[in-house]
Amino acid sequence: MDSHKLLIELTLVPAGRHIAFSKEMLEKVHVYRRVGTEGDAWQQVATNARSPFIDTESFPAGTTLEYHVQHFNQQDVYEGHSNIVRTTLR
């Protein structure tokens, strides 16, 4: 898997957090979120997601959120994960 396709981008929009990523036609992408920082548990927030994915769950100001995506082929074999993106809500 090419590392360039594992990059994701996070943008804050009025509806929530806009997470953009690329994927192959038959590839499956799952989105994970961590509330807090390193050491806290990751939660799967979308299965077989399309890009962009918008996380609309509300959190209080000052909350740090991190996201990454995991890529699977059409046989559900794990192929890799993206970079981690982070924001602190205002």
C-alpha atoms as a PDB file:
ATOM      1  CA  MET A   1       0.000   0.000   0.000  1.00  0.00           C
ATOM      2  CA  ASP A   2       1.334   3.417  -0.922  1.00  0.00           C
ATOM      3  CA  SER A   3       1.843   5.639   2.104  1.00  0.00           C
ATOM      4  CA  HIS A   4       0.426   8.687   0.288  1.00  0.00           C
ATOM      5  CA  LYS A   5      -3.075   7.233   0.325  1.00  0.00           C
ATOM      6  CA  LEU A   6      -2.950   6.818   4.089  1.00  0.00           C
ATOM      7  CA  LEU A   7      -2.928  10.549   4.776  1.00  0.00           C
ATOM      8  CA  ILE A   8      -6.025  12.175   6.217  1.00  0.00           C
ATOM      9  CA  GLU A   9      -6.950  15.812   6.755  1.00  0.00           C
ATOM     10  CA  LEU A  10      -9.045  17.297   9.544  1.00  0.00           C
ATOM     11  CA  THR A  11     -10.977  20.537   9.102  1.00  0.00           C
ATOM     12  CA  LEU A  12     -13.365  22.153  11.570  1.00  0.00           C
ATOM     13  CA  VAL A  13     -16.728  22.985   9.980  1.00  0.00           C
ATOM     14  CA  PRO A  14     -19.990  24.267  11.503  1.00  0.00           C
ATOM     15  CA  ALA A  15     -21.437  20.715  11.478  1.00  0.00           C
ATOM     16  CA  GLY A  16     -18.457  19.180  13.328  1.00  0.00           C
ATOM     17  CA  ARG A  17     -15.091  17.725  12.311  1.00  0.00           C
ATOM     18  CA  HIS A  18     -14.605  17.070   8.572  1.00  0.00           C
ATOM     19  CA  ILE A  19     -12.231  14.149   7.982  1.00  0.00           C
ATOM     20  CA  ALA A  20     -11.061  13.680   4.390  1.00  0.00           C
ATOM     21  CA  PHE A  21      -9.163  10.645   3.102  1.00  0.00           C
ATOM     22  CA  SER A  22      -8.715   8.688  -0.092  1.00  0.00           C
ATOM     23  CA  LYS A  23      -9.538   5.055  -0.689  1.00  0.00           C
ATOM     24  CA  GLU A  24      -9.668   2.578  -3.528  1.00  0.00           C
ATOM     25  CA  MET A  25     -13.067   1.620  -4.970  1.00  0.00           C
ATOM     26  CA  LEU A  26     -13.394  -1.715  -3.127  1.00  0.00           C
ATOM     27  CA  GLU A  27     -11.298  -0.825  -0.099  1.00  0.00           C
ATOM     28  CA  LYS A  28     -12.937  -0.451   3.317  1.00  0.00           C
ATOM     29  CA  VAL A  29     -12.001   2.407   5.631  1.00  0.00           C
ATOM     30  CA  HIS A  30     -12.905   2.579   9.315  1.00  0.00           C
ATOM     31  CA  VAL A  31     -12.633   5.879  11.215  1.00  0.00           C
ATOM     32  CA  TYR A  32     -11.359   5.942  14.804  1.00  0.00           C
ATOM     33  CA  ARG A  33     -11.496   8.738  17.379  1.00  0.00           C
ATOM     34  CA  ARG A  34      -9.673   9.192  20.669  1.00  0.00           C
ATOM     35  CA  VAL A  35     -10.957  11.705  23.220  1.00  0.00           C
ATOM     36  CA  GLY A  36      -8.022  13.035  25.196  1.00  0.00           C
ATOM     37  CA  THR A  37      -4.445  12.175  24.393  1.00  0.00           C
ATOM     38  CA  GLU A  38      -1.986   9.330  24.029  1.00  0.00           C
ATOM     39  CA  GLY A  39      -2.862   6.474  26.345  1.00  0.00           C
ATOM     40  CA  ASP A  40      -6.628   6.911  26.033  1.00  0.00           C
ATOM     41  CA  ALA A  41      -8.629   4.278  24.133  1.00  0.00           C
ATOM     42  CA  TRP A  42      -9.531   4.595  20.445  1.00  0.00           C
ATOM     43  CA  GLN A  43     -13.227   4.268  19.547  1.00  0.00           C
ATOM     44  CA  GLN A  44     -14.438   3.200  16.107  1.00  0.00           C
ATOM     45  CA  VAL A  45     -16.867   5.926  14.985  1.00  0.00           C
ATOM     46  CA  ALA A  46     -17.492   4.841  11.372  1.00  0.00           C
ATOM     47  CA  THR A  47     -17.390   1.525   9.537  1.00  0.00           C
ATOM     48  CA  ASN A  48     -16.706   1.345   5.797  1.00  0.00           C
ATOM     49  CA  ALA A  49     -16.803   5.149   5.735  1.00  0.00           C
ATOM     50  CA  ARG A  50     -16.954   7.415   2.730  1.00  0.00           C
ATOM     51  CA  SER A  51     -14.876  10.543   2.430  1.00  0.00           C
ATOM     52  CA  PRO A  52     -15.452  13.049   3.733  1.00  0.00           C
ATOM     53  CA  PHE A  53     -16.694  11.734   7.064  1.00  0.00           C
ATOM     54  CA  ILE A  54     -18.144  14.372   9.387  1.00  0.00           C
ATOM     55  CA  ASP A  55     -18.100  13.653  13.107  1.00  0.00           C
ATOM     56  CA  THR A  56     -21.068  15.550  14.543  1.00  0.00           C
ATOM     57  CA  GLU A  57     -20.866  14.363  18.148  1.00  0.00           C
ATOM     58  CA  SER A  58     -20.750  17.285  20.593  1.00  0.00           C
ATOM     59  CA  PHE A  59     -17.919  17.770  23.082  1.00  0.00           C
ATOM     60  CA  PRO A  60     -17.216  20.608  25.526  1.00  0.00           C
ATOM     61  CA  ALA A  61     -14.750  23.360  24.664  1.00  0.00           C
ATOM     62  CA  GLY A  62     -11.194  22.410  25.560  1.00  0.00           C
ATOM     63  CA  THR A  63     -11.648  18.752  24.582  1.00  0.00           C
ATOM     64  CA  THR A  64      -8.785  17.305  22.536  1.00  0.00           C
ATOM     65  CA  LEU A  65      -9.852  14.909  19.780  1.00  0.00           C
ATOM     66  CA  GLU A  66      -7.609  12.715  17.649  1.00  0.00           C
ATOM     67  CA  TYR A  67      -8.569  10.737  14.547  1.00  0.00           C
ATOM     68  CA  HIS A  68      -7.041   8.123  12.286  1.00  0.00           C
ATOM     69  CA  VAL A  69      -8.388   5.721   9.678  1.00  0.00           C
ATOM     70  CA  GLN A  70      -7.596   2.068   9.092  1.00  0.00           C
ATOM     71  CA  HIS A  71      -7.640   0.560   5.606  1.00  0.00           C
ATOM     72  CA  PHE A  72      -8.860  -2.979   4.826  1.00  0.00           C
ATOM     73  CA  ASN A  73      -9.062  -4.771   1.484  1.00  0.00           C
ATOM     74  CA  GLN A  74     -12.282  -6.301   0.182  1.00  0.00           C
ATOM     75  CA  GLN A  75     -11.507  -9.543   2.080  1.00  0.00           C
ATOM     76  CA  ASP A  76     -11.342  -7.542   5.357  1.00  0.00           C
ATOM     77  CA  VAL A  77      -7.571  -7.955   5.642  1.00  0.00           C
ATOM     78  CA  TYR A  78      -5.913  -5.021   7.428  1.00  0.00           C
ATOM     79  CA  GLU A  79      -3.636  -3.077   5.071  1.00  0.00           C
ATOM     80  CA  GLY A  80      -2.526  -0.082   7.110  1.00  0.00           C
ATOM     81  CA  HIS A  81      -3.499   3.072   8.934  1.00  0.00           C
ATOM     82  CA  SER A  82      -3.255   6.792   8.379  1.00  0.00           C
ATOM     83  CA  ASN A  83      -1.477   9.535  10.187  1.00  0.00           C
ATOM     84  CA  ILE A  84      -3.097  10.845  13.378  1.00  0.00           C
ATOM     85  CA  VAL A  85      -4.768  14.249  13.203  1.00  0.00           C
ATOM     86  CA  ARG A  86      -5.627  16.278  16.305  1.00  0.00           C
ATOM     87  CA  THR A  87      -7.665  19.296  17.324  1.00  0.00           C
ATOM     88  CA  THR A  88      -8.652  20.971  20.576  1.00  0.00           C
ATOM     89  CA  LEU A  89     -12.188  22.327  20.520  1.00  0.00           C
ATOM     90  CA  ARG A  90     -12.847  25.979  21.301  1.00  0.00           C
END
